[in-house]
Amino acid sequence: MTSATKTSTNSNGILSGGLRHLKESRFALKREKLRRLEKNELSRYRPYDKQRRFHDAGAAHRERLFMAGNQLGKTLAGASEWAMHLTGRYPDWWRGRRFARPVRLWAAGVTAESTRDNPQRMLLGPPQRRDAWGTAALPGDAILSTSAARSGADTVDGIVVRHSSGGASTLAFKSYEKGREKWQGETLDGVWFDEEPPLDIYSEGLTRTNATSGMTIITFTPLLGMSEVVRLFLSDSEPDGDTMPADGFTPGARN
């Protein structure tokens, strides 16, 4: 074999290897983009009109209520807003309250199981699939750590989240069944009640936010009629329409 033939063969091999490497790199890049998109559900959140009105009310009101029927996006709205505050990542359309610093938040449900199956799932991902945590409202690249609850490996007690300011926010999960005493002592920036809480639990949660002028949000399907908690919002509704029943939806707000 001549020197020229060897050179040609080597050149073809180098070219073939280079093209293969380029294709593999492009495939890897595409796969990484898809992975990041899967782990960034927050960036895809686009609220419909009633969800947006609920978010917008946070700019002027400390207490808000999103009351609607099943499968109408109540928990999604709560999880998406909590993810924004925890990460400091607010979309261009956002007109609600903003935090320029890390926050301390709670999210709560009726029982530990309902808290896991609703707020935790919507914020973190499927409870039974740890490999899928970070594919819900909280972007995977923002989750610094999670702590397991004593009630089970798929139940999370808290999450530490990277905030855009450079610090870290914290989120703890609570339940109403533990009683008011378990809600005492903390100073918080916000409490999210998913499903209607008893009045004493709501009052205690609100108290946790007084020192910071923080917020409370309630997302629930009305099953208890004109309860004490609902009456707080409907009785105090203002003539400018902060409480507006429409199509089974009530966005309520109190100063």
C-alpha atoms as a PDB file:
ATOM      1  CA  MET A   1       0.000   0.000   0.000  1.00  0.00           C
ATOM      2  CA  THR A   2       1.391   3.372  -1.006  1.00  0.00           C
ATOM      3  CA  SER A   3       1.829   6.320   1.270  1.00  0.00           C
ATOM      4  CA  ALA A   4      -0.885   8.217  -0.619  1.00  0.00           C
ATOM      5  CA  THR A   5      -3.350   5.371  -0.105  1.00  0.00           C
ATOM      6  CA  LYS A   6      -2.612   5.252   3.619  1.00  0.00           C
ATOM      7  CA  THR A   7      -3.156   8.988   3.896  1.00  0.00           C
ATOM      8  CA  SER A   8      -6.494   8.759   2.089  1.00  0.00           C
ATOM      9  CA  THR A   9      -7.655   5.893   4.279  1.00  0.00           C
ATOM     10  CA  ASN A  10      -6.676   7.696   7.470  1.00  0.00           C
ATOM     11  CA  SER A  11      -8.401  10.883   6.334  1.00  0.00           C
ATOM     12  CA  ASN A  12     -11.636   9.035   5.579  1.00  0.00           C
ATOM     13  CA  GLY A  13     -11.506   7.386   8.980  1.00  0.00           C
ATOM     14  CA  ILE A  14     -10.977  10.695  10.727  1.00  0.00           C
ATOM     15  CA  LEU A  15     -13.831  12.270   8.741  1.00  0.00           C
ATOM     16  CA  SER A  16     -16.184   9.387   9.484  1.00  0.00           C
ATOM     17  CA  GLY A  17     -15.312   9.480  13.170  1.00  0.00           C
ATOM     18  CA  GLY A  18     -15.774  13.234  13.289  1.00  0.00           C
ATOM     19  CA  LEU A  19     -19.241  13.038  11.716  1.00  0.00           C
ATOM     20  CA  ARG A  20     -20.258  10.281  14.106  1.00  0.00           C
ATOM     21  CA  HIS A  21     -19.079  12.332  17.067  1.00  0.00           C
ATOM     22  CA  LEU A  22     -20.970  15.369  15.768  1.00  0.00           C
ATOM     23  CA  LYS A  23     -24.196  13.362  15.419  1.00  0.00           C
ATOM     24  CA  GLU A  24     -23.779  11.925  18.898  1.00  0.00           C
ATOM     25  CA  SER A  25     -23.169  15.392  20.327  1.00  0.00           C
ATOM     26  CA  ARG A  26     -26.283  16.773  18.634  1.00  0.00           C
ATOM     27  CA  PHE A  27     -28.356  13.856  19.898  1.00  0.00           C
ATOM     28  CA  ALA A  28     -27.019  14.343  23.426  1.00  0.00           C
ATOM     29  CA  LEU A  29     -27.800  18.067  23.249  1.00  0.00           C
ATOM     30  CA  LYS A  30     -31.345  17.381  22.060  1.00  0.00           C
ATOM     31  CA  ARG A  31     -31.835  14.823  24.811  1.00  0.00           C
ATOM     32  CA  GLU A  32     -30.552  17.288  27.413  1.00  0.00           C
ATOM     33  CA  LYS A  33     -32.938  19.980  26.153  1.00  0.00           C
ATOM     34  CA  LEU A  34     -35.854  17.558  26.472  1.00  0.00           C
ATOM     35  CA  ARG A  35     -34.719  16.566  29.962  1.00  0.00           C
ATOM     36  CA  ARG A  36     -34.507  20.181  31.071  1.00  0.00           C
ATOM     37  CA  LEU A  37     -37.913  20.928  29.576  1.00  0.00           C
ATOM     38  CA  GLU A  38     -39.399  17.988  31.451  1.00  0.00           C
ATOM     39  CA  LYS A  39     -37.897  19.320  34.664  1.00  0.00           C
ATOM     40  CA  ASN A  40     -39.165  22.868  34.123  1.00  0.00           C
ATOM     41  CA  GLU A  41     -42.958  22.640  34.272  1.00  0.00           C
ATOM     42  CA  LEU A  42     -43.032  26.059  35.914  1.00  0.00           C
ATOM     43  CA  SER A  43     -41.879  27.733  32.698  1.00  0.00           C
ATOM     44  CA  ARG A  44     -44.857  26.191  30.879  1.00  0.00           C
ATOM     45  CA  TYR A  45     -47.485  27.400  33.351  1.00  0.00           C
ATOM     46  CA  ARG A  46     -50.007  29.689  31.664  1.00  0.00           C
ATOM     47  CA  PRO A  47     -52.909  30.563  33.986  1.00  0.00           C
ATOM     48  CA  TYR A  48     -56.387  30.979  32.622  1.00  0.00           C
ATOM     49  CA  ASP A  49     -58.261  34.163  33.508  1.00  0.00           C
ATOM     50  CA  LYS A  50     -59.547  33.133  36.934  1.00  0.00           C
ATOM     51  CA  GLN A  51     -56.215  31.709  38.028  1.00  0.00           C
ATOM     52  CA  ARG A  52     -54.517  34.915  36.918  1.00  0.00           C
ATOM     53  CA  ARG A  53     -56.945  37.065  38.899  1.00  0.00           C
ATOM     54  CA  PHE A  54     -56.147  34.954  41.947  1.00  0.00           C
ATOM     55  CA  HIS A  55     -52.408  35.514  41.466  1.00  0.00           C
ATOM     56  CA  ASP A  56     -52.792  39.231  40.725  1.00  0.00           C
ATOM     57  CA  ALA A  57     -54.723  39.805  43.961  1.00  0.00           C
ATOM     58  CA  GLY A  58     -51.587  38.917  45.922  1.00  0.00           C
ATOM     59  CA  ALA A  59     -50.035  42.277  45.067  1.00  0.00           C
ATOM     60  CA  ALA A  60     -52.547  44.043  47.317  1.00  0.00           C
ATOM     61  CA  HIS A  61     -53.924  41.402  49.706  1.00  0.00           C
ATOM     62  CA  ARG A  62     -52.308  39.211  52.374  1.00  0.00           C
ATOM     63  CA  GLU A  63     -55.131  36.658  52.417  1.00  0.00           C
ATOM     64  CA  ARG A  64     -56.555  35.015  49.318  1.00  0.00           C
ATOM     65  CA  LEU A  65     -59.083  32.309  48.544  1.00  0.00           C
ATOM     66  CA  PHE A  66     -59.437  30.202  45.372  1.00  0.00           C
ATOM     67  CA  MET A  67     -62.676  28.224  45.715  1.00  0.00           C
ATOM     68  CA  ALA A  68     -63.748  26.076  42.773  1.00  0.00           C
ATOM     69  CA  GLY A  69     -64.985  22.646  41.722  1.00  0.00           C
ATOM     70  CA  ASN A  70     -62.815  19.602  41.163  1.00  0.00           C
ATOM     71  CA  GLN A  71     -60.197  19.585  38.393  1.00  0.00           C
ATOM     72  CA  LEU A  72     -60.377  23.341  37.774  1.00  0.00           C
ATOM     73  CA  GLY A  73     -56.743  24.141  38.511  1.00  0.00           C
ATOM     74  CA  LYS A  74     -56.872  25.252  42.137  1.00  0.00           C
ATOM     75  CA  THR A  75     -53.939  23.173  43.369  1.00  0.00           C
ATOM     76  CA  LEU A  76     -51.992  23.858  40.177  1.00  0.00           C
ATOM     77  CA  ALA A  77     -52.358  27.601  40.790  1.00  0.00           C
ATOM     78  CA  GLY A  78     -51.211  27.234  44.398  1.00  0.00           C
ATOM     79  CA  ALA A  79     -48.234  25.043  43.515  1.00  0.00           C
ATOM     80  CA  SER A  80     -47.130  27.274  40.653  1.00  0.00           C
ATOM     81  CA  GLU A  81     -47.239  30.423  42.771  1.00  0.00           C
ATOM     82  CA  TRP A  82     -45.388  28.743  45.649  1.00  0.00           C
ATOM     83  CA  ALA A  83     -42.719  27.538  43.208  1.00  0.00           C
ATOM     84  CA  MET A  84     -42.248  31.100  41.928  1.00  0.00           C
ATOM     85  CA  HIS A  85     -41.780  32.494  45.427  1.00  0.00           C
ATOM     86  CA  LEU A  86     -39.426  29.678  46.447  1.00  0.00           C
ATOM     87  CA  THR A  87     -37.211  30.064  43.370  1.00  0.00           C
ATOM     88  CA  GLY A  88     -37.603  33.796  42.701  1.00  0.00           C
ATOM     89  CA  ARG A  89     -38.363  32.917  39.079  1.00  0.00           C
ATOM     90  CA  TYR A  90     -41.282  35.071  37.977  1.00  0.00           C
ATOM     91  CA  PRO A  91     -42.584  35.064  34.384  1.00  0.00           C
ATOM     92  CA  ASP A  92     -43.051  38.237  32.367  1.00  0.00           C
ATOM     93  CA  TRP A  93     -46.831  38.098  32.798  1.00  0.00           C
ATOM     94  CA  TRP A  94     -46.630  38.015  36.626  1.00  0.00           C
ATOM     95  CA  ARG A  95     -48.495  40.874  38.379  1.00  0.00           C
ATOM     96  CA  GLY A  96     -48.764  39.367  41.845  1.00  0.00           C
ATOM     97  CA  ARG A  97     -46.515  39.748  44.861  1.00  0.00           C
ATOM     98  CA  ARG A  98     -42.775  39.170  44.415  1.00  0.00           C
ATOM     99  CA  PHE A  99     -40.008  38.221  46.815  1.00  0.00           C
ATOM    100  CA  ALA A 100     -36.488  39.377  45.974  1.00  0.00           C
ATOM    101  CA  ARG A 101     -35.029  37.190  48.741  1.00  0.00           C
ATOM    102  CA  PRO A 102     -35.302  33.570  49.894  1.00  0.00           C
ATOM    103  CA  VAL A 103     -38.561  32.736  51.657  1.00  0.00           C
ATOM    104  CA  ARG A 104     -39.854  30.354  54.318  1.00  0.00           C
ATOM    105  CA  LEU A 105     -43.150  28.772  53.283  1.00  0.00           C
ATOM    106  CA  TRP A 106     -45.513  26.041  54.408  1.00  0.00           C
ATOM    107  CA  ALA A 107     -47.927  23.940  52.344  1.00  0.00           C
ATOM    108  CA  ALA A 108     -50.643  21.981  54.126  1.00  0.00           C
ATOM    109  CA  GLY A 109     -53.511  19.573  53.591  1.00  0.00           C
ATOM    110  CA  VAL A 110     -56.079  17.779  55.717  1.00  0.00           C
ATOM    111  CA  THR A 111     -53.923  14.704  56.425  1.00  0.00           C
ATOM    112  CA  ALA A 112     -50.305  13.723  55.799  1.00  0.00           C
ATOM    113  CA  GLU A 113     -51.513  11.523  52.942  1.00  0.00           C
ATOM    114  CA  SER A 114     -53.595  14.234  51.260  1.00  0.00           C
ATOM    115  CA  THR A 115     -50.707  16.677  51.630  1.00  0.00           C
ATOM    116  CA  ARG A 116     -48.436  14.134  49.911  1.00  0.00           C
ATOM    117  CA  ASP A 117     -50.944  13.403  47.141  1.00  0.00           C
ATOM    118  CA  ASN A 118     -51.749  17.029  46.367  1.00  0.00           C
ATOM    119  CA  PRO A 119     -49.354  19.875  47.340  1.00  0.00           C
ATOM    120  CA  GLN A 120     -46.261  17.636  47.471  1.00  0.00           C
ATOM    121  CA  ARG A 121     -47.102  15.919  44.178  1.00  0.00           C
ATOM    122  CA  MET A 122     -47.838  19.184  42.386  1.00  0.00           C
ATOM    123  CA  LEU A 123     -44.666  20.818  43.668  1.00  0.00           C
ATOM    124  CA  LEU A 124     -42.187  17.946  43.553  1.00  0.00           C
ATOM    125  CA  GLY A 125     -43.529  15.198  41.304  1.00  0.00           C
ATOM    126  CA  PRO A 126     -45.005  11.683  41.702  1.00  0.00           C
ATOM    127  CA  PRO A 127     -44.483  10.679  45.369  1.00  0.00           C
ATOM    128  CA  GLN A 128     -43.620   7.043  44.588  1.00  0.00           C
ATOM    129  CA  ARG A 129     -41.103   7.933  41.865  1.00  0.00           C
ATOM    130  CA  ARG A 130     -38.093   9.618  43.395  1.00  0.00           C
ATOM    131  CA  ASP A 131     -36.393   9.647  39.978  1.00  0.00           C
ATOM    132  CA  ALA A 132     -39.208  11.941  38.779  1.00  0.00           C
ATOM    133  CA  TRP A 133     -38.909  14.453  41.615  1.00  0.00           C
ATOM    134  CA  GLY A 134     -38.160  17.810  40.094  1.00  0.00           C
ATOM    135  CA  THR A 135     -40.553  17.336  37.157  1.00  0.00           C
ATOM    136  CA  ALA A 136     -43.475  19.278  38.646  1.00  0.00           C
ATOM    137  CA  ALA A 137     -43.819  22.970  39.587  1.00  0.00           C
ATOM    138  CA  LEU A 138     -40.395  23.124  41.252  1.00  0.00           C
ATOM    139  CA  PRO A 139     -37.663  22.902  38.573  1.00  0.00           C
ATOM    140  CA  GLY A 140     -35.229  20.061  39.150  1.00  0.00           C
ATOM    141  CA  ASP A 141     -32.211  22.354  38.957  1.00  0.00           C
ATOM    142  CA  ALA A 142     -33.574  24.453  41.836  1.00  0.00           C
ATOM    143  CA  ILE A 143     -34.079  21.608  44.323  1.00  0.00           C
ATOM    144  CA  LEU A 144     -31.096  21.480  46.668  1.00  0.00           C
ATOM    145  CA  SER A 145     -32.353  18.798  49.063  1.00  0.00           C
ATOM    146  CA  THR A 146     -35.417  17.021  50.432  1.00  0.00           C
ATOM    147  CA  SER A 147     -36.028  15.503  53.854  1.00  0.00           C
ATOM    148  CA  ALA A 148     -38.196  12.413  54.269  1.00  0.00           C
ATOM    149  CA  ALA A 149     -41.034  12.399  56.772  1.00  0.00           C
ATOM    150  CA  ARG A 150     -41.308   9.662  59.390  1.00  0.00           C
ATOM    151  CA  SER A 151     -44.597   8.521  57.883  1.00  0.00           C
ATOM    152  CA  GLY A 152     -42.892   7.041  54.815  1.00  0.00           C
ATOM    153  CA  ALA A 153     -40.150   7.349  52.214  1.00  0.00           C
ATOM    154  CA  ASP A 154     -42.518   8.809  49.635  1.00  0.00           C
ATOM    155  CA  THR A 155     -43.706  11.520  52.047  1.00  0.00           C
ATOM    156  CA  VAL A 156     -41.527  14.611  52.256  1.00  0.00           C
ATOM    157  CA  ASP A 157     -41.195  16.738  55.367  1.00  0.00           C
ATOM    158  CA  GLY A 158     -39.399  19.652  53.712  1.00  0.00           C
ATOM    159  CA  ILE A 159     -37.545  20.940  50.649  1.00  0.00           C
ATOM    160  CA  VAL A 160     -34.617  23.344  50.341  1.00  0.00           C
ATOM    161  CA  VAL A 161     -34.809  25.363  47.122  1.00  0.00           C
ATOM    162  CA  ARG A 162     -32.223  27.512  45.367  1.00  0.00           C
ATOM    163  CA  HIS A 163     -33.452  31.129  45.111  1.00  0.00           C
ATOM    164  CA  SER A 164     -32.442  33.351  42.199  1.00  0.00           C
ATOM    165  CA  SER A 165     -30.940  35.862  44.653  1.00  0.00           C
ATOM    166  CA  GLY A 166     -28.251  33.339  45.546  1.00  0.00           C
ATOM    167  CA  GLY A 167     -29.667  32.118  48.856  1.00  0.00           C
ATOM    168  CA  ALA A 168     -31.927  29.185  49.685  1.00  0.00           C
ATOM    169  CA  SER A 169     -35.660  29.074  50.411  1.00  0.00           C
ATOM    170  CA  THR A 170     -37.295  26.435  52.594  1.00  0.00           C
ATOM    171  CA  LEU A 171     -40.658  24.716  52.294  1.00  0.00           C
ATOM    172  CA  ALA A 172     -42.229  22.529  54.986  1.00  0.00           C
ATOM    173  CA  PHE A 173     -45.310  20.337  54.605  1.00  0.00           C
ATOM    174  CA  LYS A 174     -47.973  20.307  57.326  1.00  0.00           C
ATOM    175  CA  SER A 175     -51.386  18.751  57.965  1.00  0.00           C
ATOM    176  CA  TYR A 176     -54.479  19.895  59.827  1.00  0.00           C
ATOM    177  CA  GLU A 177     -54.919  16.537  61.600  1.00  0.00           C
ATOM    178  CA  LYS A 178     -51.904  17.208  63.838  1.00  0.00           C
ATOM    179  CA  GLY A 179     -53.758  20.010  65.584  1.00  0.00           C
ATOM    180  CA  ARG A 180     -53.092  23.675  66.230  1.00  0.00           C
ATOM    181  CA  GLU A 181     -50.172  23.058  68.595  1.00  0.00           C
ATOM    182  CA  LYS A 182     -48.023  21.741  65.728  1.00  0.00           C
ATOM    183  CA  TRP A 183     -48.537  25.047  63.925  1.00  0.00           C
ATOM    184  CA  GLN A 184     -47.108  27.286  66.617  1.00  0.00           C
ATOM    185  CA  GLY A 185     -43.756  29.013  66.958  1.00  0.00           C
ATOM    186  CA  GLU A 186     -42.554  29.561  63.375  1.00  0.00           C
ATOM    187  CA  THR A 187     -42.163  32.864  61.542  1.00  0.00           C
ATOM    188  CA  LEU A 188     -43.098  32.474  57.875  1.00  0.00           C
ATOM    189  CA  ASP A 189     -43.503  34.385  54.641  1.00  0.00           C
ATOM    190  CA  GLY A 190     -46.507  32.366  53.554  1.00  0.00           C
ATOM    191  CA  VAL A 191     -48.839  29.448  54.255  1.00  0.00           C
ATOM    192  CA  TRP A 192     -50.746  27.555  51.561  1.00  0.00           C
ATOM    193  CA  PHE A 193     -53.848  25.662  52.717  1.00  0.00           C
ATOM    194  CA  ASP A 194     -54.907  23.069  50.137  1.00  0.00           C
ATOM    195  CA  GLU A 195     -58.493  22.218  51.053  1.00  0.00           C
ATOM    196  CA  GLU A 196     -60.418  24.142  53.666  1.00  0.00           C
ATOM    197  CA  PRO A 197     -58.816  24.283  57.134  1.00  0.00           C
ATOM    198  CA  PRO A 198     -60.613  24.551  60.480  1.00  0.00           C
ATOM    199  CA  LEU A 199     -60.811  28.149  61.665  1.00  0.00           C
ATOM    200  CA  ASP A 200     -58.306  27.647  64.502  1.00  0.00           C
ATOM    201  CA  ILE A 201     -55.731  26.157  62.109  1.00  0.00           C
ATOM    202  CA  TYR A 202     -56.251  28.969  59.618  1.00  0.00           C
ATOM    203  CA  SER A 203     -55.901  31.605  62.343  1.00  0.00           C
ATOM    204  CA  GLU A 204     -52.691  30.003  63.607  1.00  0.00           C
ATOM    205  CA  GLY A 205     -51.263  29.834  60.094  1.00  0.00           C
ATOM    206  CA  LEU A 206     -52.093  33.480  59.499  1.00  0.00           C
ATOM    207  CA  THR A 207     -50.407  34.407  62.781  1.00  0.00           C
ATOM    208  CA  ARG A 208     -47.181  32.758  61.553  1.00  0.00           C
ATOM    209  CA  THR A 209     -47.034  35.413  58.795  1.00  0.00           C
ATOM    210  CA  ASN A 210     -47.768  38.518  60.863  1.00  0.00           C
ATOM    211  CA  ALA A 211     -44.159  39.461  61.637  1.00  0.00           C
ATOM    212  CA  THR A 212     -43.177  39.366  57.958  1.00  0.00           C
ATOM    213  CA  SER A 213     -46.423  40.820  56.579  1.00  0.00           C
ATOM    214  CA  GLY A 214     -46.563  37.532  54.727  1.00  0.00           C
ATOM    215  CA  MET A 215     -49.449  35.850  52.958  1.00  0.00           C
ATOM    216  CA  THR A 216     -51.915  32.996  53.179  1.00  0.00           C
ATOM    217  CA  ILE A 217     -53.625  31.301  50.250  1.00  0.00           C
ATOM    218  CA  ILE A 218     -56.447  28.761  50.376  1.00  0.00           C
ATOM    219  CA  THR A 219     -57.297  26.492  47.440  1.00  0.00           C
ATOM    220  CA  PHE A 220     -60.282  24.194  47.912  1.00  0.00           C
ATOM    221  CA  THR A 221     -63.541  22.731  46.677  1.00  0.00           C
ATOM    222  CA  PRO A 222     -66.449  24.001  48.825  1.00  0.00           C
ATOM    223  CA  LEU A 223     -67.814  20.963  50.637  1.00  0.00           C
ATOM    224  CA  LEU A 224     -68.695  22.498  54.004  1.00  0.00           C
ATOM    225  CA  GLY A 225     -71.096  25.172  52.801  1.00  0.00           C
ATOM    226  CA  MET A 226     -70.878  28.620  54.387  1.00  0.00           C
ATOM    227  CA  SER A 227     -68.186  27.686  56.897  1.00  0.00           C
ATOM    228  CA  GLU A 228     -66.434  30.054  59.277  1.00  0.00           C
ATOM    229  CA  VAL A 229     -63.384  30.297  57.031  1.00  0.00           C
ATOM    230  CA  VAL A 230     -65.405  30.970  53.874  1.00  0.00           C
ATOM    231  CA  ARG A 231     -67.433  33.574  55.750  1.00  0.00           C
ATOM    232  CA  LEU A 232     -64.214  35.469  56.552  1.00  0.00           C
ATOM    233  CA  PHE A 233     -63.819  36.196  52.851  1.00  0.00           C
ATOM    234  CA  LEU A 234     -67.399  36.473  51.632  1.00  0.00           C
ATOM    235  CA  SER A 235     -68.516  38.698  54.492  1.00  0.00           C
ATOM    236  CA  ASP A 236     -65.545  41.005  54.016  1.00  0.00           C
ATOM    237  CA  SER A 237     -65.825  41.210  50.222  1.00  0.00           C
ATOM    238  CA  GLU A 238     -65.419  44.724  48.942  1.00  0.00           C
ATOM    239  CA  PRO A 239     -67.561  46.499  46.324  1.00  0.00           C
ATOM    240  CA  ASP A 240     -64.669  46.566  43.847  1.00  0.00           C
ATOM    241  CA  GLY A 241     -65.188  42.870  43.170  1.00  0.00           C
ATOM    242  CA  ASP A 242     -62.393  41.207  45.136  1.00  0.00           C
ATOM    243  CA  THR A 243     -64.872  38.419  45.795  1.00  0.00           C
ATOM    244  CA  MET A 244     -66.700  37.454  42.624  1.00  0.00           C
ATOM    245  CA  PRO A 245     -68.671  34.209  42.345  1.00  0.00           C
ATOM    246  CA  ALA A 246     -68.573  33.055  38.713  1.00  0.00           C
ATOM    247  CA  ASP A 247     -68.963  29.615  37.148  1.00  0.00           C
ATOM    248  CA  GLY A 248     -68.418  27.882  40.466  1.00  0.00           C
ATOM    249  CA  PHE A 249     -65.309  29.949  41.141  1.00  0.00           C
ATOM    250  CA  THR A 250     -64.728  32.456  43.913  1.00  0.00           C
ATOM    251  CA  PRO A 251     -61.484  34.405  44.072  1.00  0.00           C
ATOM    252  CA  GLY A 252     -61.588  36.028  47.480  1.00  0.00           C
ATOM    253  CA  ALA A 253     -59.134  38.426  49.046  1.00  0.00           C
ATOM    254  CA  ARG A 254     -58.730  40.220  52.364  1.00  0.00           C
ATOM    255  CA  ASN A 255     -56.269  42.943  53.270  1.00  0.00           C
END
